[in-house]
PDB file of all heavy atoms in Angstrom:
ATOM      1  N   ALA A   1       2.208  -8.776   3.752  1.00  0.00           N
ATOM      2  CA  ALA A   1       0.857  -8.366   3.430  1.00  0.00           C
ATOM      3  C   ALA A   1       0.803  -6.961   2.858  1.00  0.00           C
ATOM      4  O   ALA A   1       1.690  -6.144   3.156  1.00  0.00           O
ATOM      5  CB  ALA A   1      -0.016  -8.447   4.661  1.00  0.00           C
ATOM      6  N   LEU A   2      -0.210  -6.691   2.071  1.00  0.00           N
ATOM      7  CA  LEU A   2      -0.444  -5.349   1.568  1.00  0.00           C
ATOM      8  C   LEU A   2      -0.957  -4.460   2.711  1.00  0.00           C
ATOM      9  O   LEU A   2      -1.645  -4.938   3.639  1.00  0.00           O
ATOM     10  CB  LEU A   2      -1.531  -5.370   0.477  1.00  0.00           C
ATOM     11  CG  LEU A   2      -1.168  -6.041  -0.849  1.00  0.00           C
ATOM     12  CD1 LEU A   2      -2.364  -6.140  -1.745  1.00  0.00           C
ATOM     13  CD2 LEU A   2      -0.043  -5.278  -1.512  1.00  0.00           C
ATOM     14  N   ASP A   3      -0.570  -3.197   2.655  1.00  0.00           N
ATOM     15  CA  ASP A   3      -1.040  -2.254   3.667  1.00  0.00           C
ATOM     16  C   ASP A   3      -2.463  -1.791   3.325  1.00  0.00           C
ATOM     17  O   ASP A   3      -2.889  -1.862   2.150  1.00  0.00           O
ATOM     18  CB  ASP A   3      -0.132  -1.028   3.737  1.00  0.00           C
ATOM     19  CG  ASP A   3       1.289  -1.389   4.244  1.00  0.00           C
ATOM     20  OD1 ASP A   3       1.425  -2.485   4.817  1.00  0.00           O
ATOM     21  OD2 ASP A   3       2.173  -0.569   4.110  1.00  0.00           O
ATOM     22  N   ARG A   4      -3.162  -1.264   4.320  1.00  0.00           N
ATOM     23  CA  ARG A   4      -4.537  -0.852   4.082  1.00  0.00           C
ATOM     24  C   ARG A   4      -4.595   0.686   4.122  1.00  0.00           C
ATOM     25  O   ARG A   4      -3.904   1.333   4.882  1.00  0.00           O
ATOM     26  CB  ARG A   4      -5.453  -1.381   5.159  1.00  0.00           C
ATOM     27  CG  ARG A   4      -5.447  -2.909   5.192  1.00  0.00           C
ATOM     28  CD  ARG A   4      -6.343  -3.439   6.211  1.00  0.00           C
ATOM     29  NE  ARG A   4      -7.643  -3.645   5.590  1.00  0.00           N
ATOM     30  CZ  ARG A   4      -8.720  -4.004   6.221  1.00  0.00           C
ATOM     31  NH1 ARG A   4      -8.700  -4.174   7.503  1.00  0.00           N
ATOM     32  NH2 ARG A   4      -9.842  -4.182   5.580  1.00  0.00           N
ATOM     33  N   HIS A   5      -5.474   1.238   3.331  1.00  0.00           N
ATOM     34  CA  HIS A   5      -5.698   2.694   3.325  1.00  0.00           C
ATOM     35  C   HIS A   5      -6.539   3.053   4.546  1.00  0.00           C
ATOM     36  O   HIS A   5      -7.539   2.425   4.831  1.00  0.00           O
ATOM     37  CB  HIS A   5      -6.476   3.119   2.059  1.00  0.00           C
ATOM     38  CG  HIS A   5      -6.845   4.537   2.079  1.00  0.00           C
ATOM     39  ND1 HIS A   5      -5.942   5.575   1.908  1.00  0.00           N
ATOM     40  CD2 HIS A   5      -8.044   5.121   2.281  1.00  0.00           C
ATOM     41  CE1 HIS A   5      -6.555   6.693   1.984  1.00  0.00           C
ATOM     42  NE2 HIS A   5      -7.842   6.439   2.223  1.00  0.00           N
ATOM     43  N   VAL A   6      -6.054   4.053   5.266  1.00  0.00           N
ATOM     44  CA  VAL A   6      -6.763   4.557   6.456  1.00  0.00           C
ATOM     45  C   VAL A   6      -6.967   6.049   6.229  1.00  0.00           C
ATOM     46  O   VAL A   6      -5.997   6.817   6.195  1.00  0.00           O
ATOM     47  CB  VAL A   6      -5.930   4.306   7.735  1.00  0.00           C
ATOM     48  CG1 VAL A   6      -6.696   4.832   8.958  1.00  0.00           C
ATOM     49  CG2 VAL A   6      -5.593   2.844   7.897  1.00  0.00           C
ATOM     50  N   SER A   7      -8.215   6.463   6.048  1.00  0.00           N
ATOM     51  CA  SER A   7      -8.477   7.859   5.659  1.00  0.00           C
ATOM     52  C   SER A   7      -8.054   8.856   6.696  1.00  0.00           C
ATOM     53  O   SER A   7      -7.831  10.023   6.370  1.00  0.00           O
ATOM     54  CB  SER A   7      -9.990   8.014   5.361  1.00  0.00           C
ATOM     55  OG  SER A   7     -10.740   7.662   6.471  1.00  0.00           O
ATOM     56  N   THR A   8      -7.898   8.483   7.952  1.00  0.00           N
ATOM     57  CA  THR A   8      -7.476   9.406   8.975  1.00  0.00           C
ATOM     58  C   THR A   8      -5.959   9.488   9.114  1.00  0.00           C
ATOM     59  O   THR A   8      -5.457  10.239   9.934  1.00  0.00           O
ATOM     60  CB  THR A   8      -8.093   9.019  10.315  1.00  0.00           C
ATOM     61  OG1 THR A   8      -7.726   7.714  10.661  1.00  0.00           O
ATOM     62  CG2 THR A   8      -9.611   9.140  10.299  1.00  0.00           C
ATOM     63  N   ARG A   9      -5.242   8.723   8.342  1.00  0.00           N
ATOM     64  CA  ARG A   9      -3.757   8.756   8.390  1.00  0.00           C
ATOM     65  C   ARG A   9      -3.259   9.338   7.087  1.00  0.00           C
ATOM     66  O   ARG A   9      -3.482   8.773   6.003  1.00  0.00           O
ATOM     67  CB  ARG A   9      -3.226   7.347   8.560  1.00  0.00           C
ATOM     68  CG  ARG A   9      -3.646   6.744   9.876  1.00  0.00           C
ATOM     69  CD  ARG A   9      -2.430   6.176  10.502  1.00  0.00           C
ATOM     70  NE  ARG A   9      -2.696   5.972  11.937  1.00  0.00           N
ATOM     71  CZ  ARG A   9      -2.171   4.963  12.599  1.00  0.00           C
ATOM     72  NH1 ARG A   9      -1.386   4.147  11.996  1.00  0.00           N
ATOM     73  NH2 ARG A   9      -2.422   4.872  13.871  1.00  0.00           N
ATOM     74  N   TRP A  10      -2.540  10.439   7.190  1.00  0.00           N
ATOM     75  CA  TRP A  10      -2.080  11.130   5.986  1.00  0.00           C
ATOM     76  C   TRP A  10      -1.134  10.329   5.147  1.00  0.00           C
ATOM     77  O   TRP A  10      -1.034  10.515   3.943  1.00  0.00           O
ATOM     78  CB  TRP A  10      -1.432  12.468   6.398  1.00  0.00           C
ATOM     79  CG  TRP A  10      -0.141  12.316   7.177  1.00  0.00           C
ATOM     80  CD1 TRP A  10      -0.021  12.211   8.511  1.00  0.00           C
ATOM     81  CD2 TRP A  10       1.173  12.186   6.615  1.00  0.00           C
ATOM     82  NE1 TRP A  10       1.283  12.046   8.859  1.00  0.00           N
ATOM     83  CE2 TRP A  10       2.041  12.059   7.729  1.00  0.00           C
ATOM     84  CE3 TRP A  10       1.694  12.205   5.324  1.00  0.00           C
ATOM     85  CZ2 TRP A  10       3.423  11.922   7.574  1.00  0.00           C
ATOM     86  CZ3 TRP A  10       3.047  12.047   5.196  1.00  0.00           C
ATOM     87  CH2 TRP A  10       3.904  11.915   6.296  1.00  0.00           C
ATOM     88  N   ASN A  11      -0.367   9.432   5.738  1.00  0.00           N
ATOM     89  CA  ASN A  11       0.650   8.696   4.977  1.00  0.00           C
ATOM     90  C   ASN A  11       0.194   7.291   4.552  1.00  0.00           C
ATOM     91  O   ASN A  11       0.993   6.541   4.022  1.00  0.00           O
ATOM     92  CB  ASN A  11       1.934   8.610   5.768  1.00  0.00           C
ATOM     93  CG  ASN A  11       1.797   7.848   7.046  1.00  0.00           C
ATOM     94  OD1 ASN A  11       0.649   7.643   7.541  1.00  0.00           O
ATOM     95  ND2 ASN A  11       2.865   7.434   7.655  1.00  0.00           N
ATOM     96  N   SER A  12      -1.080   6.958   4.728  1.00  0.00           N
ATOM     97  CA  SER A  12      -1.489   5.603   4.387  1.00  0.00           C
ATOM     98  C   SER A  12      -1.508   5.392   2.848  1.00  0.00           C
ATOM     99  O   SER A  12      -1.330   4.276   2.393  1.00  0.00           O
ATOM    100  CB  SER A  12      -2.838   5.243   5.021  1.00  0.00           C
ATOM    101  OG  SER A  12      -3.879   5.976   4.399  1.00  0.00           O
ATOM    102  N   ASP A  13      -1.730   6.467   2.065  1.00  0.00           N
ATOM    103  CA  ASP A  13      -1.657   6.320   0.614  1.00  0.00           C
ATOM    104  C   ASP A  13      -0.252   5.876   0.177  1.00  0.00           C
ATOM    105  O   ASP A  13      -0.121   4.999  -0.652  1.00  0.00           O
ATOM    106  CB  ASP A  13      -2.044   7.615  -0.088  1.00  0.00           C
ATOM    107  CG  ASP A  13      -3.527   7.934   0.051  1.00  0.00           C
ATOM    108  OD1 ASP A  13      -4.324   6.975   0.048  1.00  0.00           O
ATOM    109  OD2 ASP A  13      -3.865   9.097   0.114  1.00  0.00           O
ATOM    110  N   LEU A  14       0.772   6.503   0.767  1.00  0.00           N
ATOM    111  CA  LEU A  14       2.131   6.131   0.449  1.00  0.00           C
ATOM    112  C   LEU A  14       2.424   4.669   0.873  1.00  0.00           C
ATOM    113  O   LEU A  14       2.996   3.929   0.147  1.00  0.00           O
ATOM    114  CB  LEU A  14       3.123   7.060   1.101  1.00  0.00           C
ATOM    115  CG  LEU A  14       4.603   6.739   0.904  1.00  0.00           C
ATOM    116  CD1 LEU A  14       4.960   6.627  -0.573  1.00  0.00           C
ATOM    117  CD2 LEU A  14       5.475   7.756   1.622  1.00  0.00           C
ATOM    118  N   SER A  15       1.938   4.301   2.060  1.00  0.00           N
ATOM    119  CA  SER A  15       2.149   2.928   2.536  1.00  0.00           C
ATOM    120  C   SER A  15       1.477   1.915   1.608  1.00  0.00           C
ATOM    121  O   SER A  15       2.098   0.892   1.287  1.00  0.00           O
ATOM    122  CB  SER A  15       1.573   2.758   3.959  1.00  0.00           C
ATOM    123  OG  SER A  15       2.270   3.576   4.855  1.00  0.00           O
ATOM    124  N   CYS A  16       0.263   2.200   1.164  1.00  0.00           N
ATOM    125  CA  CYS A  16      -0.431   1.297   0.248  1.00  0.00           C
ATOM    126  C   CYS A  16       0.321   1.211  -1.092  1.00  0.00           C
ATOM    127  O   CYS A  16       0.480   0.134  -1.638  1.00  0.00           O
ATOM    128  CB  CYS A  16      -1.847   1.805   0.002  1.00  0.00           C
ATOM    129  SG  CYS A  16      -2.940   1.596   1.407  1.00  0.00           S
ATOM    130  N   LEU A  17       0.764   2.351  -1.613  1.00  0.00           N
ATOM    131  CA  LEU A  17       1.489   2.367  -2.843  1.00  0.00           C
ATOM    132  C   LEU A  17       2.807   1.649  -2.737  1.00  0.00           C
ATOM    133  O   LEU A  17       3.170   0.850  -3.601  1.00  0.00           O
ATOM    134  CB  LEU A  17       1.707   3.802  -3.310  1.00  0.00           C
ATOM    135  CG  LEU A  17       2.205   4.053  -4.691  1.00  0.00           C
ATOM    136  CD1 LEU A  17       1.328   3.342  -5.727  1.00  0.00           C
ATOM    137  CD2 LEU A  17       2.280   5.526  -4.976  1.00  0.00           C
ATOM    138  N   ASP A  18       3.510   1.871  -1.610  1.00  0.00           N
ATOM    139  CA  ASP A  18       4.773   1.159  -1.393  1.00  0.00           C
ATOM    140  C   ASP A  18       4.544  -0.352  -1.411  1.00  0.00           C
ATOM    141  O   ASP A  18       5.307  -1.114  -1.990  1.00  0.00           O
ATOM    142  CB  ASP A  18       5.397   1.560  -0.020  1.00  0.00           C
ATOM    143  CG  ASP A  18       6.007   2.908  -0.033  1.00  0.00           C
ATOM    144  OD1 ASP A  18       6.312   3.446  -1.108  1.00  0.00           O
ATOM    145  OD2 ASP A  18       6.282   3.437   1.064  1.00  0.00           O
ATOM    146  N   ALA A  19       3.499  -0.784  -0.716  1.00  0.00           N
ATOM    147  CA  ALA A  19       3.221  -2.240  -0.625  1.00  0.00           C
ATOM    148  C   ALA A  19       2.864  -2.831  -2.022  1.00  0.00           C
ATOM    149  O   ALA A  19       3.320  -3.933  -2.349  1.00  0.00           O
ATOM    150  CB  ALA A  19       2.074  -2.489   0.346  1.00  0.00           C
ATOM    151  N   HIS A  20       2.058  -2.118  -2.794  1.00  0.00           N
ATOM    152  CA  HIS A  20       1.707  -2.615  -4.113  1.00  0.00           C
ATOM    153  C   HIS A  20       2.889  -2.710  -5.038  1.00  0.00           C
ATOM    154  O   HIS A  20       3.045  -3.689  -5.799  1.00  0.00           O
ATOM    155  CB  HIS A  20       0.570  -1.769  -4.725  1.00  0.00           C
ATOM    156  CG  HIS A  20      -0.771  -2.240  -4.333  1.00  0.00           C
ATOM    157  ND1 HIS A  20      -1.279  -1.987  -3.077  1.00  0.00           N
ATOM    158  CD2 HIS A  20      -1.691  -2.935  -4.991  1.00  0.00           C
ATOM    159  CE1 HIS A  20      -2.473  -2.504  -2.997  1.00  0.00           C
ATOM    160  NE2 HIS A  20      -2.735  -3.119  -4.152  1.00  0.00           N
ATOM    161  N   VAL A  21       3.767  -1.717  -4.985  1.00  0.00           N
ATOM    162  CA  VAL A  21       4.990  -1.769  -5.847  1.00  0.00           C
ATOM    163  C   VAL A  21       5.879  -2.891  -5.360  1.00  0.00           C
ATOM    164  O   VAL A  21       6.464  -3.635  -6.154  1.00  0.00           O
ATOM    165  CB  VAL A  21       5.689  -0.390  -5.841  1.00  0.00           C
ATOM    166  CG1 VAL A  21       7.034  -0.458  -6.511  1.00  0.00           C
ATOM    167  CG2 VAL A  21       4.816   0.674  -6.533  1.00  0.00           C
ATOM    168  N   TYR A  22       6.027  -3.021  -4.052  1.00  0.00           N
ATOM    169  CA  TYR A  22       6.853  -4.083  -3.436  1.00  0.00           C
ATOM    170  C   TYR A  22       6.352  -5.480  -3.866  1.00  0.00           C
ATOM    171  O   TYR A  22       7.129  -6.359  -4.225  1.00  0.00           O
ATOM    172  CB  TYR A  22       6.817  -3.944  -1.922  1.00  0.00           C
ATOM    173  CG  TYR A  22       7.582  -4.990  -1.174  1.00  0.00           C
ATOM    174  CD1 TYR A  22       8.963  -4.875  -1.001  1.00  0.00           C
ATOM    175  CD2 TYR A  22       6.949  -6.085  -0.619  1.00  0.00           C
ATOM    176  CE1 TYR A  22       9.697  -5.815  -0.298  1.00  0.00           C
ATOM    177  CE2 TYR A  22       7.660  -7.042   0.109  1.00  0.00           C
ATOM    178  CZ  TYR A  22       9.014  -6.895   0.242  1.00  0.00           C
ATOM    179  OH  TYR A  22       9.721  -7.853   0.955  1.00  0.00           O
ATOM    180  N   PHE A  23       5.012  -5.649  -3.842  1.00  0.00           N
ATOM    181  CA  PHE A  23       4.422  -6.971  -4.157  1.00  0.00           C
ATOM    182  C   PHE A  23       3.965  -7.032  -5.618  1.00  0.00           C
ATOM    183  O   PHE A  23       3.108  -7.845  -5.973  1.00  0.00           O
ATOM    184  CB  PHE A  23       3.205  -7.214  -3.269  1.00  0.00           C
ATOM    185  CG  PHE A  23       3.552  -7.606  -1.856  1.00  0.00           C
ATOM    186  CD1 PHE A  23       3.188  -6.813  -0.820  1.00  0.00           C
ATOM    187  CD2 PHE A  23       4.255  -8.759  -1.609  1.00  0.00           C
ATOM    188  CE1 PHE A  23       3.504  -7.184   0.523  1.00  0.00           C
ATOM    189  CE2 PHE A  23       4.553  -9.155  -0.323  1.00  0.00           C
ATOM    190  CZ  PHE A  23       4.169  -8.345   0.755  1.00  0.00           C
ATOM    191  N   ARG A  24       4.528  -6.217  -6.489  1.00  0.00           N
ATOM    192  CA  ARG A  24       4.072  -6.155  -7.874  1.00  0.00           C
ATOM    193  C   ARG A  24       3.932  -7.528  -8.534  1.00  0.00           C
ATOM    194  O   ARG A  24       2.907  -7.836  -9.132  1.00  0.00           O
ATOM    195  CB  ARG A  24       4.991  -5.267  -8.697  1.00  0.00           C
ATOM    196  CG  ARG A  24       4.545  -5.198 -10.159  1.00  0.00           C
ATOM    197  CD  ARG A  24       5.385  -4.281 -11.012  1.00  0.00           C
ATOM    198  NE  ARG A  24       4.960  -4.365 -12.392  1.00  0.00           N
ATOM    199  CZ  ARG A  24       5.429  -3.589 -13.344  1.00  0.00           C
ATOM    200  NH1 ARG A  24       6.367  -2.707 -13.071  1.00  0.00           N
ATOM    201  NH2 ARG A  24       5.001  -3.725 -14.567  1.00  0.00           N
ATOM    202  N   PRO A  25       4.924  -8.442  -8.440  1.00  0.00           N
ATOM    203  CA  PRO A  25       4.752  -9.736  -9.085  1.00  0.00           C
ATOM    204  C   PRO A  25       3.529 -10.489  -8.592  1.00  0.00           C
ATOM    205  O   PRO A  25       2.839 -11.134  -9.374  1.00  0.00           O
ATOM    206  CB  PRO A  25       6.052 -10.504  -8.741  1.00  0.00           C
ATOM    207  CG  PRO A  25       7.047  -9.450  -8.352  1.00  0.00           C
ATOM    208  CD  PRO A  25       6.234  -8.310  -7.759  1.00  0.00           C
ATOM    209  N   VAL A  26       3.294 -10.449  -7.311  1.00  0.00           N
ATOM    210  CA  VAL A  26       2.128 -11.158  -6.742  1.00  0.00           C
ATOM    211  C   VAL A  26       0.840 -10.464  -7.110  1.00  0.00           C
ATOM    212  O   VAL A  26      -0.172 -11.108  -7.484  1.00  0.00           O
ATOM    213  CB  VAL A  26       2.290 -11.267  -5.210  1.00  0.00           C
ATOM    214  CG1 VAL A  26       1.050 -11.928  -4.596  1.00  0.00           C
ATOM    215  CG2 VAL A  26       3.534 -11.998  -4.823  1.00  0.00           C
ATOM    216  N   VAL A  27       0.824  -9.131  -7.069  1.00  0.00           N
ATOM    217  CA  VAL A  27      -0.390  -8.381  -7.455  1.00  0.00           C
ATOM    218  C   VAL A  27      -0.728  -8.656  -8.906  1.00  0.00           C
ATOM    219  O   VAL A  27      -1.897  -8.834  -9.230  1.00  0.00           O
ATOM    220  CB  VAL A  27      -0.174  -6.840  -7.193  1.00  0.00           C
ATOM    221  CG1 VAL A  27      -1.281  -6.045  -7.809  1.00  0.00           C
ATOM    222  CG2 VAL A  27      -0.069  -6.553  -5.733  1.00  0.00           C
ATOM    223  N   GLU A  28       0.259  -8.686  -9.753  1.00  0.00           N
ATOM    224  CA  GLU A  28       0.043  -8.974 -11.179  1.00  0.00           C
ATOM    225  C   GLU A  28      -0.535 -10.403 -11.367  1.00  0.00           C
ATOM    226  O   GLU A  28      -1.407 -10.643 -12.204  1.00  0.00           O
ATOM    227  CB  GLU A  28       1.304  -8.798 -12.002  1.00  0.00           C
ATOM    228  CG  GLU A  28       1.663  -7.335 -12.181  1.00  0.00           C
ATOM    229  CD  GLU A  28       2.880  -7.113 -12.994  1.00  0.00           C
ATOM    230  OE1 GLU A  28       3.856  -7.900 -12.908  1.00  0.00           O
ATOM    231  OE2 GLU A  28       2.867  -6.160 -13.779  1.00  0.00           O
TER     232      GLU A  28
END
């Protein structure tokens, strides 16, 4: 599954970006 952005977690942007790049074929 894709990760979710959590505004109170400093690293959630990286987690979301990692997940989108990982799932690029599916996201596309």
